[in-house]
């Protein structure tokens, strides 16, 4: 609670590129007031507490398999191994997968310039692509 250590650690270890100090400052700014720091200790527990919710989401996936999907995958993310990617690709046969070999957990910090045109193209296309990283 005295320092936003989880966020700071993540920005230093789960972004493949070196963020400029002003970028880190912007990301940490919401956690600097002491009354805002509780979320960094509260959030991880919420993920494990949401097991039933996640089970409901997964149970509903078979009804969504006809949808096209754009899957971004950070290949250096230790929290999401390759077998999770395989599950998503099997769940959504009409997918386009874009793997980012040098990106980690906060991959949007590493590859936003590559993601944005892909999202635009995907959203404007009626033809789903398929591919693997």
N, C-alpha and C. Protein backbone atom coordinates (compact mmCIF):
# COMPACT_ATOMS: atom_id res chain seq x y z
N UNK A 1 0.82 -1.21 0.00
CA UNK A 1 0.00 0.00 0.00
C UNK A 1 0.86 1.27 0.00
N UNK A 2 2.11 1.18 0.43
CA UNK A 2 2.93 2.38 0.51
C UNK A 2 3.62 2.72 -0.80
N UNK A 3 3.63 1.79 -1.74
CA UNK A 3 4.27 2.04 -3.02
C UNK A 3 3.62 1.15 -4.08
N UNK A 4 3.35 1.65 -5.27
CA UNK A 4 2.71 0.82 -6.29
C UNK A 4 3.69 -0.17 -6.92
N UNK A 5 4.21 -1.05 -6.10
CA UNK A 5 5.28 -1.96 -6.53
C UNK A 5 4.88 -2.95 -7.60
N UNK A 6 3.65 -3.49 -7.55
CA UNK A 6 3.23 -4.46 -8.56
C UNK A 6 3.22 -3.81 -9.93
N UNK A 7 2.66 -2.62 -10.00
CA UNK A 7 2.60 -1.91 -11.29
C UNK A 7 4.00 -1.56 -11.76
N UNK A 8 4.81 -1.05 -10.87
CA UNK A 8 6.17 -0.67 -11.23
C UNK A 8 6.97 -1.88 -11.71
N UNK A 9 6.86 -2.99 -10.99
CA UNK A 9 7.57 -4.21 -11.38
C UNK A 9 7.11 -4.67 -12.76
N UNK A 10 5.80 -4.68 -12.98
CA UNK A 10 5.27 -5.12 -14.26
C UNK A 10 5.77 -4.28 -15.42
N UNK A 11 5.82 -2.97 -15.21
CA UNK A 11 6.29 -2.08 -16.28
C UNK A 11 7.77 -2.30 -16.58
N UNK A 12 8.52 -2.70 -15.58
CA UNK A 12 9.95 -2.91 -15.78
C UNK A 12 10.27 -4.31 -16.31
N UNK A 13 9.41 -5.30 -16.03
CA UNK A 13 9.73 -6.69 -16.38
C UNK A 13 8.81 -7.33 -17.40
N UNK A 14 7.66 -6.77 -17.64
CA UNK A 14 6.70 -7.40 -18.55
C UNK A 14 6.42 -6.55 -19.80
N UNK A 15 7.30 -5.63 -20.08
CA UNK A 15 7.29 -4.88 -21.34
C UNK A 15 8.64 -5.15 -21.97
N UNK A 16 8.64 -5.63 -23.20
CA UNK A 16 9.90 -6.04 -23.83
C UNK A 16 10.81 -4.85 -24.12
N UNK A 17 10.23 -3.76 -24.56
CA UNK A 17 11.06 -2.59 -24.85
C UNK A 17 11.25 -1.78 -23.58
N UNK A 18 12.28 -0.97 -23.56
CA UNK A 18 12.53 -0.11 -22.40
C UNK A 18 11.64 1.12 -22.54
N UNK A 19 10.74 1.27 -21.58
CA UNK A 19 9.85 2.42 -21.60
C UNK A 19 10.59 3.67 -21.17
N UNK A 20 10.28 4.80 -21.79
CA UNK A 20 10.91 6.04 -21.34
C UNK A 20 10.38 6.40 -19.95
N UNK A 21 11.19 7.09 -19.15
CA UNK A 21 10.76 7.44 -17.79
C UNK A 21 9.42 8.16 -17.76
N UNK A 22 9.15 9.03 -18.74
CA UNK A 22 7.87 9.74 -18.73
C UNK A 22 6.71 8.78 -18.99
N UNK A 23 6.94 7.72 -19.74
CA UNK A 23 5.90 6.72 -19.95
C UNK A 23 5.59 5.95 -18.68
N UNK A 24 6.63 5.58 -17.95
CA UNK A 24 6.43 4.90 -16.67
C UNK A 24 5.72 5.82 -15.69
N UNK A 25 6.12 7.08 -15.66
CA UNK A 25 5.46 8.05 -14.77
C UNK A 25 3.97 8.15 -15.06
N UNK A 26 3.61 8.16 -16.34
CA UNK A 26 2.19 8.25 -16.71
C UNK A 26 1.44 7.02 -16.22
N UNK A 27 2.04 5.83 -16.42
CA UNK A 27 1.38 4.61 -15.99
C UNK A 27 1.28 4.49 -14.47
N UNK A 28 2.23 5.04 -13.75
CA UNK A 28 2.21 4.97 -12.28
C UNK A 28 1.36 6.06 -11.63
N UNK A 29 1.14 7.14 -12.35
CA UNK A 29 0.45 8.31 -11.77
C UNK A 29 -0.87 7.97 -11.08
N UNK A 30 -1.73 7.09 -11.64
CA UNK A 30 -2.98 6.79 -10.95
C UNK A 30 -2.80 6.13 -9.59
N UNK A 31 -1.63 5.54 -9.36
CA UNK A 31 -1.40 4.81 -8.11
C UNK A 31 -0.62 5.62 -7.07
N UNK A 32 -0.23 6.84 -7.41
CA UNK A 32 0.57 7.63 -6.47
C UNK A 32 -0.22 8.11 -5.27
N UNK A 33 -1.45 8.59 -5.43
CA UNK A 33 -2.19 8.97 -4.22
C UNK A 33 -2.45 7.72 -3.36
N UNK A 34 -2.13 7.78 -2.09
CA UNK A 34 -2.29 6.59 -1.24
C UNK A 34 -3.69 5.97 -1.30
N UNK A 35 -4.72 6.77 -1.45
CA UNK A 35 -6.07 6.21 -1.47
C UNK A 35 -6.36 5.41 -2.75
N UNK A 36 -5.49 5.48 -3.77
CA UNK A 36 -5.69 4.76 -5.02
C UNK A 36 -4.85 3.48 -5.08
N UNK A 37 -4.02 3.21 -4.10
CA UNK A 37 -3.10 2.08 -4.18
C UNK A 37 -3.72 0.74 -3.85
N UNK A 38 -4.87 0.75 -3.26
CA UNK A 38 -5.51 -0.51 -2.88
C UNK A 38 -5.77 -1.43 -4.05
N UNK A 39 -6.00 -0.87 -5.23
CA UNK A 39 -6.31 -1.70 -6.38
C UNK A 39 -5.16 -2.64 -6.72
N UNK A 40 -3.93 -2.23 -6.48
CA UNK A 40 -2.80 -3.10 -6.83
C UNK A 40 -2.73 -4.33 -5.93
N UNK A 41 -3.25 -4.23 -4.72
CA UNK A 41 -3.28 -5.41 -3.85
C UNK A 41 -4.62 -6.13 -3.96
N UNK A 42 -5.64 -5.44 -4.38
CA UNK A 42 -6.98 -5.99 -4.49
C UNK A 42 -7.17 -6.81 -5.77
N UNK A 43 -6.64 -6.32 -6.87
CA UNK A 43 -6.91 -6.90 -8.18
C UNK A 43 -6.48 -8.36 -8.33
N UNK A 44 -5.26 -8.74 -7.96
CA UNK A 44 -4.87 -10.15 -8.16
C UNK A 44 -5.81 -11.13 -7.46
N UNK A 45 -6.26 -10.80 -6.28
CA UNK A 45 -7.19 -11.67 -5.57
C UNK A 45 -8.53 -11.79 -6.26
N UNK A 46 -8.92 -10.75 -6.98
CA UNK A 46 -10.18 -10.78 -7.70
C UNK A 46 -10.15 -11.79 -8.85
N UNK A 47 -8.99 -11.97 -9.45
CA UNK A 47 -8.89 -12.95 -10.52
C UNK A 47 -9.16 -14.36 -10.01
N UNK A 48 -8.56 -14.70 -8.89
CA UNK A 48 -8.77 -16.04 -8.35
C UNK A 48 -10.18 -16.18 -7.75
N UNK A 49 -10.74 -15.09 -7.27
CA UNK A 49 -12.09 -15.15 -6.70
C UNK A 49 -13.16 -15.28 -7.78
N UNK A 50 -12.80 -15.01 -9.03
CA UNK A 50 -13.78 -15.02 -10.12
C UNK A 50 -13.83 -16.36 -10.85
N UNK A 51 -13.44 -17.43 -10.21
CA UNK A 51 -13.40 -18.74 -10.85
C UNK A 51 -14.76 -19.12 -11.43
N UNK A 52 -15.84 -18.92 -10.68
CA UNK A 52 -17.17 -19.27 -11.18
C UNK A 52 -17.55 -18.43 -12.40
N UNK A 53 -17.23 -17.17 -12.35
CA UNK A 53 -17.52 -16.28 -13.48
C UNK A 53 -16.77 -16.73 -14.73
N UNK A 54 -15.49 -17.03 -14.58
CA UNK A 54 -14.70 -17.50 -15.72
C UNK A 54 -15.24 -18.83 -16.26
N UNK A 55 -15.72 -19.69 -15.37
CA UNK A 55 -16.31 -20.96 -15.81
C UNK A 55 -17.57 -20.71 -16.63
N UNK A 56 -18.38 -19.72 -16.23
CA UNK A 56 -19.58 -19.37 -17.00
C UNK A 56 -19.20 -18.84 -18.39
N UNK A 57 -18.17 -17.99 -18.43
CA UNK A 57 -17.72 -17.48 -19.73
C UNK A 57 -17.27 -18.62 -20.63
N UNK A 58 -16.49 -19.53 -20.08
CA UNK A 58 -15.99 -20.65 -20.88
C UNK A 58 -17.13 -21.54 -21.34
N UNK A 59 -18.12 -21.75 -20.49
CA UNK A 59 -19.27 -22.58 -20.87
C UNK A 59 -20.05 -21.94 -22.03
N UNK A 60 -20.01 -20.63 -22.15
CA UNK A 60 -20.71 -19.95 -23.23
C UNK A 60 -19.94 -19.87 -24.53
N UNK A 61 -18.67 -20.24 -24.53
CA UNK A 61 -17.86 -20.14 -25.74
C UNK A 61 -18.38 -20.97 -26.92
N UNK A 62 -18.89 -22.18 -26.71
CA UNK A 62 -19.36 -22.94 -27.86
C UNK A 62 -20.42 -22.20 -28.69
N UNK A 63 -21.17 -21.33 -28.10
CA UNK A 63 -22.16 -20.54 -28.82
C UNK A 63 -21.56 -19.38 -29.60
N UNK A 64 -20.27 -19.17 -29.46
CA UNK A 64 -19.61 -18.06 -30.13
C UNK A 64 -18.62 -18.51 -31.20
N UNK A 65 -18.49 -19.79 -31.42
CA UNK A 65 -17.43 -20.29 -32.29
C UNK A 65 -17.60 -19.94 -33.76
N UNK A 66 -18.78 -19.47 -34.13
CA UNK A 66 -18.99 -19.07 -35.52
C UNK A 66 -18.51 -17.65 -35.79
N UNK A 67 -18.08 -16.96 -34.78
CA UNK A 67 -17.60 -15.58 -34.92
C UNK A 67 -16.16 -15.56 -35.42
N UNK A 68 -15.85 -14.56 -36.22
CA UNK A 68 -14.45 -14.38 -36.60
C UNK A 68 -13.73 -13.77 -35.41
N UNK A 69 -12.45 -14.04 -35.30
CA UNK A 69 -11.68 -13.57 -34.15
C UNK A 69 -10.30 -13.10 -34.60
N UNK A 70 -9.87 -12.04 -33.99
CA UNK A 70 -8.51 -11.55 -34.17
C UNK A 70 -7.79 -11.80 -32.86
N UNK A 71 -6.76 -12.60 -32.91
CA UNK A 71 -6.03 -13.00 -31.70
C UNK A 71 -4.64 -12.40 -31.76
N UNK A 72 -4.33 -11.59 -30.77
CA UNK A 72 -2.96 -11.09 -30.61
C UNK A 72 -2.32 -11.93 -29.52
N UNK A 73 -1.06 -12.32 -29.73
CA UNK A 73 -0.40 -13.15 -28.72
C UNK A 73 1.03 -12.70 -28.53
N UNK A 74 1.34 -12.33 -27.31
CA UNK A 74 2.70 -11.94 -26.94
C UNK A 74 3.47 -13.22 -26.62
N UNK A 75 4.42 -13.54 -27.45
CA UNK A 75 5.10 -14.83 -27.34
C UNK A 75 6.10 -14.91 -26.18
N UNK A 76 6.40 -13.77 -25.55
CA UNK A 76 7.29 -13.79 -24.38
C UNK A 76 6.52 -13.63 -23.07
N UNK A 77 5.21 -13.71 -23.12
CA UNK A 77 4.39 -13.53 -21.92
C UNK A 77 4.42 -14.80 -21.08
N UNK A 78 5.01 -14.74 -19.88
CA UNK A 78 5.08 -15.95 -19.05
C UNK A 78 3.72 -16.35 -18.48
N UNK A 79 2.76 -15.45 -18.49
CA UNK A 79 1.45 -15.76 -17.92
C UNK A 79 0.50 -16.46 -18.86
N UNK A 80 0.81 -16.44 -20.16
CA UNK A 80 -0.07 -17.05 -21.15
C UNK A 80 0.75 -17.91 -22.09
N UNK A 81 0.89 -19.18 -21.76
CA UNK A 81 1.73 -20.08 -22.56
C UNK A 81 1.09 -20.41 -23.91
N UNK A 82 1.88 -20.99 -24.78
CA UNK A 82 1.46 -21.30 -26.15
C UNK A 82 0.24 -22.22 -26.17
N UNK A 83 0.12 -23.14 -25.21
CA UNK A 83 -1.04 -24.05 -25.23
C UNK A 83 -2.35 -23.28 -25.02
N UNK A 84 -2.32 -22.13 -24.35
CA UNK A 84 -3.52 -21.30 -24.24
C UNK A 84 -3.89 -20.73 -25.60
N UNK A 85 -2.90 -20.34 -26.38
CA UNK A 85 -3.15 -19.84 -27.72
C UNK A 85 -3.81 -20.92 -28.57
N UNK A 86 -3.32 -22.12 -28.48
CA UNK A 86 -3.89 -23.23 -29.25
C UNK A 86 -5.36 -23.42 -28.90
N UNK A 87 -5.70 -23.31 -27.63
CA UNK A 87 -7.11 -23.43 -27.20
C UNK A 87 -7.97 -22.35 -27.84
N UNK A 88 -7.48 -21.10 -27.85
CA UNK A 88 -8.26 -20.01 -28.46
C UNK A 88 -8.43 -20.25 -29.95
N UNK A 89 -7.39 -20.71 -30.60
CA UNK A 89 -7.48 -20.95 -32.04
C UNK A 89 -8.46 -22.09 -32.35
N UNK A 90 -8.49 -23.11 -31.52
CA UNK A 90 -9.45 -24.19 -31.73
C UNK A 90 -10.87 -23.72 -31.44
N UNK A 91 -11.01 -22.85 -30.46
CA UNK A 91 -12.34 -22.34 -30.10
C UNK A 91 -12.92 -21.49 -31.22
N UNK A 92 -12.07 -20.71 -31.87
CA UNK A 92 -12.51 -19.81 -32.94
C UNK A 92 -11.83 -20.21 -34.25
N UNK A 93 -12.42 -21.16 -34.99
CA UNK A 93 -11.79 -21.62 -36.22
C UNK A 93 -11.58 -20.51 -37.26
N UNK A 94 -12.46 -19.51 -37.27
CA UNK A 94 -12.30 -18.38 -38.20
C UNK A 94 -11.52 -17.28 -37.51
N UNK A 95 -10.27 -17.56 -37.30
CA UNK A 95 -9.42 -16.60 -36.58
C UNK A 95 -8.27 -16.13 -37.46
N UNK A 96 -7.75 -15.02 -37.05
CA UNK A 96 -6.47 -14.56 -37.56
C UNK A 96 -5.61 -14.35 -36.33
N UNK A 97 -4.49 -15.03 -36.27
CA UNK A 97 -3.59 -14.90 -35.13
C UNK A 97 -2.37 -14.10 -35.57
N UNK A 98 -2.02 -13.15 -34.74
CA UNK A 98 -0.80 -12.38 -34.95
C UNK A 98 0.03 -12.53 -33.69
N UNK A 99 1.16 -13.20 -33.85
CA UNK A 99 2.06 -13.40 -32.73
C UNK A 99 3.15 -12.35 -32.74
N UNK A 100 3.47 -11.87 -31.58
CA UNK A 100 4.51 -10.86 -31.42
C UNK A 100 5.69 -11.50 -30.69
N UNK A 101 6.72 -11.89 -31.41
CA UNK A 101 7.82 -12.66 -30.81
C UNK A 101 8.62 -11.91 -29.76
N UNK A 102 8.62 -10.60 -29.78
CA UNK A 102 9.41 -9.84 -28.81
C UNK A 102 8.56 -9.11 -27.79
N UNK A 103 7.29 -9.48 -27.66
CA UNK A 103 6.40 -8.78 -26.74
C UNK A 103 6.10 -9.65 -25.53
N UNK A 104 5.84 -8.98 -24.39
CA UNK A 104 5.54 -9.69 -23.15
C UNK A 104 4.13 -9.34 -22.69
N UNK A 105 3.88 -9.42 -21.39
CA UNK A 105 2.54 -9.33 -20.84
C UNK A 105 1.81 -8.04 -21.22
N UNK A 106 2.45 -6.92 -21.13
CA UNK A 106 1.83 -5.65 -21.51
C UNK A 106 2.19 -5.34 -22.96
N UNK A 107 1.83 -6.26 -23.83
CA UNK A 107 2.27 -6.20 -25.22
C UNK A 107 1.81 -4.95 -25.96
N UNK A 108 0.70 -4.37 -25.53
CA UNK A 108 0.23 -3.15 -26.18
C UNK A 108 1.24 -2.02 -26.03
N UNK A 109 2.09 -2.09 -25.01
CA UNK A 109 3.15 -1.10 -24.86
C UNK A 109 4.26 -1.34 -25.88
N UNK A 110 4.40 -2.57 -26.32
CA UNK A 110 5.47 -2.92 -27.25
C UNK A 110 5.05 -2.80 -28.72
N UNK A 111 3.81 -3.13 -29.03
CA UNK A 111 3.44 -3.30 -30.43
C UNK A 111 2.16 -2.58 -30.84
N UNK A 112 1.80 -1.53 -30.14
CA UNK A 112 0.57 -0.80 -30.48
C UNK A 112 0.59 -0.34 -31.94
N UNK A 113 1.74 0.09 -32.42
CA UNK A 113 1.82 0.58 -33.80
C UNK A 113 1.56 -0.53 -34.81
N UNK A 114 1.77 -1.79 -34.42
CA UNK A 114 1.45 -2.92 -35.30
C UNK A 114 0.01 -3.38 -35.11
N UNK A 115 -0.51 -3.25 -33.90
CA UNK A 115 -1.86 -3.71 -33.60
C UNK A 115 -2.94 -2.84 -34.24
N UNK A 116 -2.77 -1.54 -34.18
CA UNK A 116 -3.83 -0.63 -34.62
C UNK A 116 -4.22 -0.85 -36.08
N UNK A 117 -3.27 -0.92 -37.02
CA UNK A 117 -3.70 -1.19 -38.40
C UNK A 117 -4.33 -2.57 -38.57
N UNK A 118 -3.87 -3.55 -37.79
CA UNK A 118 -4.46 -4.89 -37.87
C UNK A 118 -5.90 -4.88 -37.39
N UNK A 119 -6.17 -4.15 -36.32
CA UNK A 119 -7.54 -4.05 -35.80
C UNK A 119 -8.42 -3.36 -36.84
N UNK A 120 -7.93 -2.26 -37.39
CA UNK A 120 -8.72 -1.54 -38.41
C UNK A 120 -9.03 -2.44 -39.60
N UNK A 121 -8.03 -3.15 -40.10
CA UNK A 121 -8.23 -4.03 -41.25
C UNK A 121 -9.20 -5.15 -40.91
N UNK A 122 -9.06 -5.73 -39.73
CA UNK A 122 -9.92 -6.83 -39.31
C UNK A 122 -11.37 -6.36 -39.18
N UNK A 123 -11.57 -5.20 -38.58
CA UNK A 123 -12.93 -4.69 -38.36
C UNK A 123 -13.61 -4.30 -39.66
N UNK A 124 -12.84 -3.94 -40.67
CA UNK A 124 -13.44 -3.53 -41.93
C UNK A 124 -13.55 -4.68 -42.94
N UNK A 125 -13.09 -5.85 -42.56
CA UNK A 125 -13.08 -6.99 -43.46
C UNK A 125 -14.19 -7.97 -43.12
N UNK A 126 -14.79 -8.51 -44.16
CA UNK A 126 -15.78 -9.58 -43.96
C UNK A 126 -15.12 -10.96 -44.06
N UNK A 127 -13.87 -10.98 -44.47
CA UNK A 127 -13.16 -12.23 -44.67
C UNK A 127 -12.20 -12.49 -43.53
N UNK A 128 -12.52 -13.43 -42.64
CA UNK A 128 -11.55 -13.74 -41.59
C UNK A 128 -10.34 -14.43 -42.17
N UNK A 129 -9.20 -14.14 -41.62
CA UNK A 129 -7.99 -14.83 -42.05
C UNK A 129 -7.67 -15.91 -41.05
N UNK A 130 -6.80 -16.79 -41.42
CA UNK A 130 -6.29 -17.76 -40.45
C UNK A 130 -4.80 -17.70 -40.52
N UNK A 131 -4.21 -17.91 -39.41
CA UNK A 131 -2.76 -17.89 -39.39
C UNK A 131 -2.22 -18.20 -38.03
N UNK A 132 -0.97 -18.47 -37.99
CA UNK A 132 -0.30 -18.81 -36.75
C UNK A 132 0.90 -17.89 -36.61
N UNK A 133 1.29 -17.60 -35.37
CA UNK A 133 2.49 -16.77 -35.19
C UNK A 133 3.73 -17.52 -35.60
